[in-house]
Amino acid sequence: MNNAKNFIDVGGLDDIPPLGARVVATALGDIAIFRTGGGEVFALRDQCPHKQGPLSQGIVHGNAVTCPLHGWTISLETGEAQGLDSGCTPRFAVKTEAGRVFLALP
């Protein structure tokens, strides 16, 4: 995970549906903010490590997302591909406070 300390407000928690995502455009590229069914929030670069598929358009299940292009499963906690696949997408710190989502950028 990036060791960023500069958190920016990227919207309301209710703007991200459970088991869904929203995309934040940054100078570093698009970052997908995911919300699990249990309400946890994670942030990954919006690119699968396999063929750069848009992870934000994938299916969120548990603490993972399945890429919509080729079915790779990526851990929301680590950014690592699961199963027999290998690769990693960058992860970013994210936190929620008072119903708002804050993303850390370097």
N, C-alpha and C. Protein backbone atom coordinates (compact mmCIF):
# COMPACT_ATOMS: atom_id res chain seq x y z
N MET A 1 0.85 -1.17 0.00
CA MET A 1 0.00 0.00 0.00
C MET A 1 0.90 1.23 0.00
N ASN A 2 0.44 2.26 -0.68
CA ASN A 2 1.17 3.52 -0.68
C ASN A 2 1.19 4.09 0.74
N ASN A 3 2.31 4.65 1.16
CA ASN A 3 2.43 5.24 2.49
C ASN A 3 2.00 6.69 2.46
N ALA A 4 0.83 6.94 1.94
CA ALA A 4 0.33 8.30 1.79
C ALA A 4 -0.31 8.79 3.08
N LYS A 5 -0.23 10.08 3.29
CA LYS A 5 -0.84 10.67 4.49
C LYS A 5 -1.82 11.77 4.12
N ASN A 6 -1.90 12.15 2.86
CA ASN A 6 -2.79 13.22 2.42
C ASN A 6 -4.12 12.61 1.98
N PHE A 7 -5.11 12.70 2.86
CA PHE A 7 -6.43 12.15 2.54
C PHE A 7 -7.29 13.23 1.90
N ILE A 8 -7.99 12.85 0.83
CA ILE A 8 -8.92 13.77 0.17
C ILE A 8 -10.33 13.18 0.25
N ASP A 9 -11.31 14.03 0.39
CA ASP A 9 -12.71 13.63 0.45
C ASP A 9 -13.15 13.27 -0.97
N VAL A 10 -13.61 12.03 -1.17
CA VAL A 10 -14.03 11.60 -2.50
C VAL A 10 -15.53 11.31 -2.59
N GLY A 11 -16.28 11.66 -1.54
CA GLY A 11 -17.72 11.50 -1.62
C GLY A 11 -18.32 10.80 -0.42
N GLY A 12 -19.62 10.64 -0.48
CA GLY A 12 -20.35 10.00 0.60
C GLY A 12 -20.29 8.49 0.51
N LEU A 13 -20.26 7.84 1.65
CA LEU A 13 -20.28 6.39 1.69
C LEU A 13 -21.53 5.85 1.01
N ASP A 14 -22.65 6.54 1.17
CA ASP A 14 -23.90 6.08 0.55
C ASP A 14 -23.89 6.21 -0.97
N ASP A 15 -22.90 6.92 -1.53
CA ASP A 15 -22.76 7.02 -2.98
C ASP A 15 -22.19 5.75 -3.59
N ILE A 16 -21.65 4.87 -2.74
CA ILE A 16 -21.10 3.59 -3.21
C ILE A 16 -22.04 2.49 -2.75
N PRO A 17 -22.69 1.81 -3.66
CA PRO A 17 -23.63 0.77 -3.22
C PRO A 17 -22.90 -0.42 -2.60
N PRO A 18 -23.52 -1.10 -1.63
CA PRO A 18 -22.91 -2.33 -1.12
C PRO A 18 -22.65 -3.27 -2.29
N LEU A 19 -21.50 -3.93 -2.27
CA LEU A 19 -21.05 -4.83 -3.34
C LEU A 19 -20.83 -4.07 -4.65
N GLY A 20 -20.49 -2.79 -4.55
CA GLY A 20 -20.28 -1.97 -5.73
C GLY A 20 -19.01 -1.16 -5.64
N ALA A 21 -18.85 -0.27 -6.61
CA ALA A 21 -17.65 0.56 -6.68
C ALA A 21 -17.98 1.88 -7.34
N ARG A 22 -17.11 2.85 -7.14
CA ARG A 22 -17.14 4.10 -7.89
C ARG A 22 -15.71 4.43 -8.24
N VAL A 23 -15.51 5.21 -9.30
CA VAL A 23 -14.18 5.54 -9.79
C VAL A 23 -13.87 6.99 -9.48
N VAL A 24 -12.64 7.20 -9.01
CA VAL A 24 -12.15 8.55 -8.75
C VAL A 24 -10.98 8.78 -9.70
N ALA A 25 -11.08 9.83 -10.51
CA ALA A 25 -9.99 10.19 -11.42
C ALA A 25 -8.96 10.99 -10.65
N THR A 26 -7.70 10.56 -10.71
CA THR A 26 -6.62 11.26 -10.01
C THR A 26 -5.45 11.46 -10.98
N ALA A 27 -4.47 12.22 -10.56
CA ALA A 27 -3.25 12.41 -11.36
C ALA A 27 -2.50 11.10 -11.53
N LEU A 28 -2.75 10.14 -10.66
CA LEU A 28 -2.12 8.82 -10.73
C LEU A 28 -2.90 7.85 -11.60
N GLY A 29 -4.02 8.27 -12.15
CA GLY A 29 -4.91 7.40 -12.90
C GLY A 29 -6.17 7.13 -12.12
N ASP A 30 -7.06 6.36 -12.72
CA ASP A 30 -8.33 6.05 -12.06
C ASP A 30 -8.12 5.10 -10.88
N ILE A 31 -8.79 5.43 -9.79
CA ILE A 31 -8.76 4.58 -8.60
C ILE A 31 -10.19 4.17 -8.30
N ALA A 32 -10.38 2.86 -8.10
CA ALA A 32 -11.70 2.33 -7.79
C ALA A 32 -11.86 2.23 -6.28
N ILE A 33 -12.97 2.76 -5.78
CA ILE A 33 -13.31 2.67 -4.36
C ILE A 33 -14.41 1.62 -4.26
N PHE A 34 -14.15 0.55 -3.53
CA PHE A 34 -15.08 -0.57 -3.41
C PHE A 34 -15.72 -0.57 -2.03
N ARG A 35 -16.97 -1.03 -1.99
CA ARG A 35 -17.68 -1.22 -0.72
C ARG A 35 -18.18 -2.66 -0.68
N THR A 36 -17.81 -3.37 0.36
CA THR A 36 -18.23 -4.77 0.49
C THR A 36 -19.65 -4.84 1.04
N GLY A 37 -20.21 -6.04 1.03
CA GLY A 37 -21.53 -6.25 1.59
C GLY A 37 -21.57 -5.96 3.08
N GLY A 38 -20.42 -6.11 3.75
CA GLY A 38 -20.33 -5.83 5.18
C GLY A 38 -20.00 -4.37 5.49
N GLY A 39 -19.90 -3.54 4.45
CA GLY A 39 -19.66 -2.12 4.65
C GLY A 39 -18.21 -1.69 4.68
N GLU A 40 -17.27 -2.62 4.51
CA GLU A 40 -15.86 -2.24 4.46
C GLU A 40 -15.58 -1.51 3.14
N VAL A 41 -14.60 -0.61 3.18
CA VAL A 41 -14.24 0.17 2.00
C VAL A 41 -12.77 -0.05 1.67
N PHE A 42 -12.48 -0.26 0.39
CA PHE A 42 -11.12 -0.51 -0.09
C PHE A 42 -10.89 0.33 -1.34
N ALA A 43 -9.62 0.59 -1.65
CA ALA A 43 -9.27 1.36 -2.85
C ALA A 43 -8.13 0.68 -3.58
N LEU A 44 -8.33 0.44 -4.88
CA LEU A 44 -7.32 -0.15 -5.76
C LEU A 44 -7.25 0.64 -7.05
N ARG A 45 -6.07 0.62 -7.70
CA ARG A 45 -6.01 1.17 -9.05
C ARG A 45 -7.05 0.42 -9.88
N ASP A 46 -7.75 1.13 -10.72
CA ASP A 46 -8.85 0.53 -11.48
C ASP A 46 -8.34 -0.23 -12.70
N GLN A 47 -7.36 -1.12 -12.46
CA GLN A 47 -6.79 -1.93 -13.54
C GLN A 47 -6.43 -3.31 -13.02
N CYS A 48 -6.95 -4.32 -13.66
CA CYS A 48 -6.56 -5.68 -13.34
C CYS A 48 -5.10 -5.87 -13.74
N PRO A 49 -4.31 -6.60 -12.95
CA PRO A 49 -2.91 -6.81 -13.31
C PRO A 49 -2.73 -7.70 -14.54
N HIS A 50 -3.78 -8.36 -15.00
CA HIS A 50 -3.69 -9.27 -16.13
C HIS A 50 -3.70 -8.51 -17.45
N LYS A 51 -4.81 -7.86 -17.79
CA LYS A 51 -4.95 -7.15 -19.07
C LYS A 51 -5.52 -5.75 -18.87
N GLN A 52 -5.33 -5.20 -17.67
CA GLN A 52 -5.76 -3.86 -17.31
C GLN A 52 -7.27 -3.64 -17.42
N GLY A 53 -8.04 -4.70 -17.21
CA GLY A 53 -9.49 -4.57 -17.20
C GLY A 53 -9.96 -3.67 -16.08
N PRO A 54 -11.11 -3.00 -16.25
CA PRO A 54 -11.63 -2.08 -15.24
C PRO A 54 -12.24 -2.82 -14.05
N LEU A 55 -11.47 -2.92 -12.98
CA LEU A 55 -11.95 -3.66 -11.80
C LEU A 55 -13.23 -3.07 -11.23
N SER A 56 -13.44 -1.77 -11.41
CA SER A 56 -14.65 -1.12 -10.88
C SER A 56 -15.91 -1.69 -11.52
N GLN A 57 -15.78 -2.33 -12.66
CA GLN A 57 -16.94 -2.92 -13.34
C GLN A 57 -17.10 -4.40 -13.03
N GLY A 58 -16.23 -4.91 -12.13
CA GLY A 58 -16.29 -6.31 -11.77
C GLY A 58 -17.30 -6.60 -10.68
N ILE A 59 -17.39 -7.86 -10.32
CA ILE A 59 -18.32 -8.31 -9.28
C ILE A 59 -17.58 -8.38 -7.95
N VAL A 60 -18.10 -7.64 -6.96
CA VAL A 60 -17.53 -7.67 -5.61
C VAL A 60 -18.17 -8.81 -4.84
N HIS A 61 -17.34 -9.64 -4.22
CA HIS A 61 -17.82 -10.77 -3.41
C HIS A 61 -16.86 -10.97 -2.27
N GLY A 62 -17.40 -10.98 -1.04
CA GLY A 62 -16.52 -11.05 0.13
C GLY A 62 -15.60 -9.84 0.12
N ASN A 63 -14.30 -10.08 0.28
CA ASN A 63 -13.30 -9.01 0.22
C ASN A 63 -12.47 -9.15 -1.05
N ALA A 64 -13.16 -9.42 -2.17
CA ALA A 64 -12.50 -9.59 -3.46
C ALA A 64 -13.38 -9.02 -4.56
N VAL A 65 -12.75 -8.82 -5.72
CA VAL A 65 -13.48 -8.40 -6.92
C VAL A 65 -13.03 -9.29 -8.07
N THR A 66 -13.96 -9.66 -8.93
CA THR A 66 -13.64 -10.46 -10.10
C THR A 66 -13.63 -9.54 -11.32
N CYS A 67 -12.50 -9.55 -12.03
CA CYS A 67 -12.34 -8.71 -13.21
C CYS A 67 -13.38 -9.10 -14.27
N PRO A 68 -14.04 -8.10 -14.89
CA PRO A 68 -15.07 -8.41 -15.87
C PRO A 68 -14.52 -8.93 -17.20
N LEU A 69 -13.23 -8.78 -17.47
CA LEU A 69 -12.70 -9.21 -18.77
C LEU A 69 -12.36 -10.69 -18.83
N HIS A 70 -11.58 -11.18 -17.86
CA HIS A 70 -11.12 -12.56 -17.94
C HIS A 70 -11.32 -13.36 -16.66
N GLY A 71 -12.07 -12.78 -15.70
CA GLY A 71 -12.45 -13.54 -14.52
C GLY A 71 -11.39 -13.68 -13.44
N TRP A 72 -10.31 -12.89 -13.50
CA TRP A 72 -9.33 -12.95 -12.41
C TRP A 72 -9.97 -12.41 -11.14
N THR A 73 -9.67 -13.04 -10.02
CA THR A 73 -10.15 -12.57 -8.73
C THR A 73 -9.02 -11.85 -8.02
N ILE A 74 -9.29 -10.61 -7.58
CA ILE A 74 -8.30 -9.75 -6.95
C ILE A 74 -8.73 -9.46 -5.52
N SER A 75 -7.82 -9.64 -4.57
CA SER A 75 -8.10 -9.33 -3.17
C SER A 75 -8.22 -7.82 -2.99
N LEU A 76 -9.30 -7.38 -2.36
CA LEU A 76 -9.45 -5.96 -2.06
C LEU A 76 -8.52 -5.54 -0.94
N GLU A 77 -8.13 -6.48 -0.10
CA GLU A 77 -7.26 -6.18 1.03
C GLU A 77 -5.80 -5.99 0.62
N THR A 78 -5.35 -6.75 -0.38
CA THR A 78 -3.93 -6.73 -0.75
C THR A 78 -3.67 -6.28 -2.19
N GLY A 79 -4.66 -6.38 -3.06
CA GLY A 79 -4.46 -6.10 -4.48
C GLY A 79 -3.89 -7.28 -5.25
N GLU A 80 -3.62 -8.38 -4.55
CA GLU A 80 -3.01 -9.57 -5.17
C GLU A 80 -4.05 -10.43 -5.88
N ALA A 81 -3.65 -10.98 -7.02
CA ALA A 81 -4.48 -11.95 -7.73
C ALA A 81 -4.59 -13.21 -6.87
N GLN A 82 -5.73 -13.88 -6.93
CA GLN A 82 -6.00 -15.06 -6.12
C GLN A 82 -5.90 -16.33 -6.96
N GLY A 83 -5.86 -17.47 -6.30
CA GLY A 83 -5.82 -18.75 -6.99
C GLY A 83 -4.51 -18.95 -7.72
N LEU A 84 -4.57 -19.51 -8.92
CA LEU A 84 -3.38 -19.80 -9.70
C LEU A 84 -2.84 -18.59 -10.44
N ASP A 85 -3.62 -17.51 -10.49
CA ASP A 85 -3.19 -16.29 -11.19
C ASP A 85 -2.18 -15.54 -10.33
N SER A 86 -1.30 -14.79 -10.97
CA SER A 86 -0.33 -14.01 -10.20
C SER A 86 -0.24 -12.60 -10.77
N GLY A 87 -0.08 -11.66 -9.89
CA GLY A 87 0.00 -10.26 -10.25
C GLY A 87 -0.60 -9.44 -9.13
N CYS A 88 -0.39 -8.14 -9.18
CA CYS A 88 -0.87 -7.27 -8.13
C CYS A 88 -1.21 -5.91 -8.72
N THR A 89 -2.27 -5.32 -8.22
CA THR A 89 -2.62 -3.95 -8.58
C THR A 89 -2.38 -3.07 -7.35
N PRO A 90 -1.92 -1.83 -7.54
CA PRO A 90 -1.65 -0.98 -6.38
C PRO A 90 -2.89 -0.74 -5.52
N ARG A 91 -2.65 -0.68 -4.23
CA ARG A 91 -3.69 -0.46 -3.24
C ARG A 91 -3.45 0.90 -2.60
N PHE A 92 -4.51 1.56 -2.20
CA PHE A 92 -4.42 2.88 -1.59
C PHE A 92 -5.17 2.87 -0.26
N ALA A 93 -4.67 3.66 0.68
CA ALA A 93 -5.34 3.77 1.98
C ALA A 93 -6.65 4.53 1.78
N VAL A 94 -7.66 4.10 2.50
CA VAL A 94 -8.97 4.73 2.45
C VAL A 94 -9.57 4.63 3.85
N LYS A 95 -10.35 5.64 4.21
CA LYS A 95 -11.02 5.62 5.51
C LYS A 95 -12.37 6.29 5.38
N THR A 96 -13.25 6.00 6.33
CA THR A 96 -14.56 6.65 6.35
C THR A 96 -14.69 7.38 7.68
N GLU A 97 -15.27 8.57 7.61
CA GLU A 97 -15.55 9.37 8.79
C GLU A 97 -16.84 10.14 8.57
N ALA A 98 -17.75 10.01 9.51
CA ALA A 98 -19.03 10.75 9.46
C ALA A 98 -19.74 10.58 8.11
N GLY A 99 -19.73 9.35 7.59
CA GLY A 99 -20.43 9.06 6.34
C GLY A 99 -19.73 9.53 5.09
N ARG A 100 -18.48 9.99 5.18
CA ARG A 100 -17.69 10.43 4.04
C ARG A 100 -16.55 9.45 3.82
N VAL A 101 -16.11 9.33 2.56
CA VAL A 101 -15.00 8.46 2.20
C VAL A 101 -13.79 9.33 1.88
N PHE A 102 -12.64 8.98 2.46
CA PHE A 102 -11.40 9.73 2.26
C PHE A 102 -10.35 8.79 1.67
N LEU A 103 -9.72 9.23 0.60
CA LEU A 103 -8.70 8.46 -0.11
C LEU A 103 -7.34 9.11 0.12
N ALA A 104 -6.34 8.28 0.42
CA ALA A 104 -4.97 8.80 0.62
C ALA A 104 -4.22 8.75 -0.69
N LEU A 105 -3.61 9.87 -1.05
CA LEU A 105 -2.79 9.96 -2.24
C LEU A 105 -1.40 10.45 -1.83
N PRO A 106 -0.37 9.96 -2.51
CA PRO A 106 0.98 10.41 -2.18
C PRO A 106 1.18 11.87 -2.57
